[in-house]
Amino acid sequence: MSCPICQSDTDAKYRPFCSKRCADVDLARWFNGGYAVPSRDPDDAEKAIEEIETLIEAEQRKPH
C-alpha cells in the first residue's frame, strides 16, 4: 500500500500514511474543506450564492 499523499511506502506507525507529515497534510485538508462533498440540494446552492455575494459586497466596501 502506498501513502495517499505522496505515494511512498507506508509506515505501520502512521498507516495509511508514510509519516506524520503526510498524516498532518491529510488532516489539514479535512480542516480546510479540501475533502468536502458537493451538495446537489438547491437550498444549499442558494445559500452559497448569498454567502459569495455578501463576501463580494464586503470586499467592495473595504478601502484600498
N, C-alpha and C. Protein backbone atom coordinates (compact mmCIF):
# COMPACT_ATOMS: atom_id res chain seq x y z
N MET A 1 0.84 -1.18 0.00
CA MET A 1 0.00 0.00 0.00
C MET A 1 0.88 1.23 0.00
N SER A 2 0.48 2.24 -0.76
CA SER A 2 1.26 3.47 -0.80
C SER A 2 0.52 4.60 -0.10
N CYS A 3 1.27 5.57 0.35
CA CYS A 3 0.73 6.73 1.05
C CYS A 3 -0.19 7.51 0.09
N PRO A 4 -1.40 7.85 0.53
CA PRO A 4 -2.31 8.58 -0.35
C PRO A 4 -1.87 10.02 -0.63
N ILE A 5 -0.92 10.52 0.13
CA ILE A 5 -0.47 11.90 -0.07
C ILE A 5 0.73 11.96 -1.02
N CYS A 6 1.77 11.15 -0.76
CA CYS A 6 3.00 11.26 -1.55
C CYS A 6 3.35 9.99 -2.33
N GLN A 7 2.56 8.95 -2.17
CA GLN A 7 2.75 7.68 -2.88
C GLN A 7 3.96 6.86 -2.41
N SER A 8 4.62 7.24 -1.31
CA SER A 8 5.72 6.45 -0.74
C SER A 8 5.14 5.23 -0.03
N ASP A 9 6.02 4.28 0.33
CA ASP A 9 5.58 3.13 1.10
C ASP A 9 5.09 3.60 2.47
N THR A 10 4.07 2.93 2.98
CA THR A 10 3.51 3.34 4.27
C THR A 10 4.36 2.83 5.43
N ASP A 11 4.19 3.48 6.56
CA ASP A 11 4.84 3.10 7.80
C ASP A 11 3.73 2.63 8.73
N ALA A 12 3.90 1.48 9.36
CA ALA A 12 2.87 0.92 10.23
C ALA A 12 2.46 1.91 11.33
N LYS A 13 3.39 2.71 11.79
CA LYS A 13 3.11 3.67 12.85
C LYS A 13 2.12 4.75 12.39
N TYR A 14 2.14 5.10 11.12
CA TYR A 14 1.31 6.20 10.60
C TYR A 14 0.29 5.71 9.57
N ARG A 15 0.12 4.43 9.45
CA ARG A 15 -0.74 3.84 8.43
C ARG A 15 -2.08 4.55 8.33
N PRO A 16 -2.56 4.92 7.19
CA PRO A 16 -2.15 4.54 5.84
C PRO A 16 -1.12 5.50 5.25
N PHE A 17 -0.51 6.34 6.08
CA PHE A 17 0.46 7.31 5.59
C PHE A 17 1.89 6.81 5.80
N CYS A 18 2.83 7.53 5.22
CA CYS A 18 4.23 7.14 5.36
C CYS A 18 4.91 7.85 6.52
N SER A 19 4.33 8.96 6.96
CA SER A 19 4.96 9.77 8.00
C SER A 19 3.93 10.64 8.69
N LYS A 20 4.36 11.25 9.79
CA LYS A 20 3.48 12.20 10.50
C LYS A 20 3.18 13.38 9.61
N ARG A 21 4.16 13.81 8.82
CA ARG A 21 3.96 14.94 7.92
C ARG A 21 2.79 14.69 6.97
N CYS A 22 2.77 13.54 6.32
CA CYS A 22 1.68 13.24 5.38
C CYS A 22 0.35 13.09 6.12
N ALA A 23 0.38 12.54 7.33
CA ALA A 23 -0.85 12.45 8.12
C ALA A 23 -1.37 13.85 8.45
N ASP A 24 -0.45 14.76 8.77
CA ASP A 24 -0.83 16.14 9.07
C ASP A 24 -1.35 16.87 7.82
N VAL A 25 -0.76 16.60 6.67
CA VAL A 25 -1.24 17.20 5.42
C VAL A 25 -2.68 16.76 5.17
N ASP A 26 -2.95 15.48 5.38
CA ASP A 26 -4.30 14.95 5.19
C ASP A 26 -5.28 15.61 6.17
N LEU A 27 -4.88 15.73 7.42
CA LEU A 27 -5.73 16.35 8.43
C LEU A 27 -6.03 17.81 8.06
N ALA A 28 -5.02 18.52 7.59
CA ALA A 28 -5.21 19.91 7.17
C ALA A 28 -6.20 20.00 6.01
N ARG A 29 -6.16 19.06 5.11
CA ARG A 29 -7.12 19.05 4.00
C ARG A 29 -8.54 18.89 4.53
N TRP A 30 -8.73 18.05 5.53
CA TRP A 30 -10.05 17.90 6.14
C TRP A 30 -10.49 19.21 6.78
N PHE A 31 -9.59 19.82 7.57
CA PHE A 31 -9.93 21.07 8.26
C PHE A 31 -10.25 22.20 7.29
N ASN A 32 -9.54 22.25 6.17
CA ASN A 32 -9.72 23.33 5.21
C ASN A 32 -10.82 23.06 4.19
N GLY A 33 -11.50 21.94 4.31
CA GLY A 33 -12.60 21.63 3.40
C GLY A 33 -12.18 21.03 2.09
N GLY A 34 -10.95 20.58 2.00
CA GLY A 34 -10.45 20.00 0.76
C GLY A 34 -11.13 18.70 0.38
N TYR A 35 -11.74 18.05 1.36
CA TYR A 35 -12.42 16.79 1.10
C TYR A 35 -13.94 16.94 1.17
N ALA A 36 -14.44 18.14 1.07
CA ALA A 36 -15.88 18.37 1.17
C ALA A 36 -16.63 17.69 0.02
N VAL A 37 -17.78 17.17 0.35
CA VAL A 37 -18.63 16.52 -0.65
C VAL A 37 -19.61 17.57 -1.17
N PRO A 38 -19.65 17.79 -2.48
CA PRO A 38 -20.56 18.81 -3.00
C PRO A 38 -22.02 18.39 -2.81
N SER A 39 -22.86 19.36 -2.58
CA SER A 39 -24.28 19.10 -2.37
C SER A 39 -25.05 19.42 -3.64
N ARG A 40 -26.10 18.68 -3.88
CA ARG A 40 -26.98 18.94 -5.02
C ARG A 40 -28.31 19.54 -4.55
N ASP A 41 -28.39 19.86 -3.27
CA ASP A 41 -29.59 20.45 -2.71
C ASP A 41 -29.70 21.91 -3.17
N PRO A 42 -30.80 22.29 -3.83
CA PRO A 42 -30.94 23.67 -4.33
C PRO A 42 -30.85 24.71 -3.22
N ASP A 43 -31.32 24.38 -2.02
CA ASP A 43 -31.23 25.33 -0.92
C ASP A 43 -29.77 25.61 -0.55
N ASP A 44 -28.93 24.59 -0.62
CA ASP A 44 -27.50 24.78 -0.35
C ASP A 44 -26.87 25.69 -1.39
N ALA A 45 -27.27 25.53 -2.64
CA ALA A 45 -26.72 26.36 -3.72
C ALA A 45 -27.12 27.82 -3.52
N GLU A 46 -28.36 28.05 -3.16
CA GLU A 46 -28.82 29.43 -2.93
C GLU A 46 -28.07 30.05 -1.75
N LYS A 47 -27.88 29.29 -0.70
CA LYS A 47 -27.15 29.79 0.47
C LYS A 47 -25.71 30.14 0.09
N ALA A 48 -25.07 29.29 -0.70
CA ALA A 48 -23.69 29.54 -1.12
C ALA A 48 -23.61 30.80 -1.97
N ILE A 49 -24.56 31.00 -2.85
CA ILE A 49 -24.58 32.20 -3.69
C ILE A 49 -24.74 33.44 -2.82
N GLU A 50 -25.63 33.39 -1.84
CA GLU A 50 -25.82 34.52 -0.93
C GLU A 50 -24.54 34.83 -0.16
N GLU A 51 -23.85 33.79 0.30
CA GLU A 51 -22.61 33.99 1.04
C GLU A 51 -21.54 34.63 0.16
N ILE A 52 -21.44 34.19 -1.07
CA ILE A 52 -20.47 34.77 -2.00
C ILE A 52 -20.79 36.23 -2.27
N GLU A 53 -22.08 36.53 -2.49
CA GLU A 53 -22.48 37.92 -2.72
C GLU A 53 -22.17 38.79 -1.52
N THR A 54 -22.37 38.26 -0.32
CA THR A 54 -22.06 39.00 0.90
C THR A 54 -20.56 39.28 0.98
N LEU A 55 -19.75 38.28 0.66
CA LEU A 55 -18.30 38.47 0.68
C LEU A 55 -17.85 39.50 -0.35
N ILE A 56 -18.45 39.46 -1.53
CA ILE A 56 -18.10 40.43 -2.58
C ILE A 56 -18.46 41.83 -2.14
N GLU A 57 -19.65 42.00 -1.57
CA GLU A 57 -20.08 43.32 -1.09
C GLU A 57 -19.15 43.83 0.00
N ALA A 58 -18.77 42.96 0.92
CA ALA A 58 -17.87 43.35 2.00
C ALA A 58 -16.51 43.76 1.44
N GLU A 59 -16.04 43.03 0.44
CA GLU A 59 -14.74 43.35 -0.17
C GLU A 59 -14.80 44.70 -0.88
N GLN A 60 -15.91 45.00 -1.50
CA GLN A 60 -16.04 46.26 -2.22
C GLN A 60 -16.11 47.45 -1.26
N ARG A 61 -16.58 47.23 -0.03
CA ARG A 61 -16.66 48.31 0.95
C ARG A 61 -15.33 48.62 1.61
N LYS A 62 -14.38 47.71 1.50
CA LYS A 62 -13.07 47.93 2.12
C LYS A 62 -12.32 49.03 1.38
N PRO A 63 -11.67 49.92 2.14
CA PRO A 63 -10.82 50.92 1.49
C PRO A 63 -9.57 50.26 0.92
N HIS A 64 -9.15 50.72 -0.20
CA HIS A 64 -7.99 50.10 -0.86
C HIS A 64 -6.71 50.70 -0.39
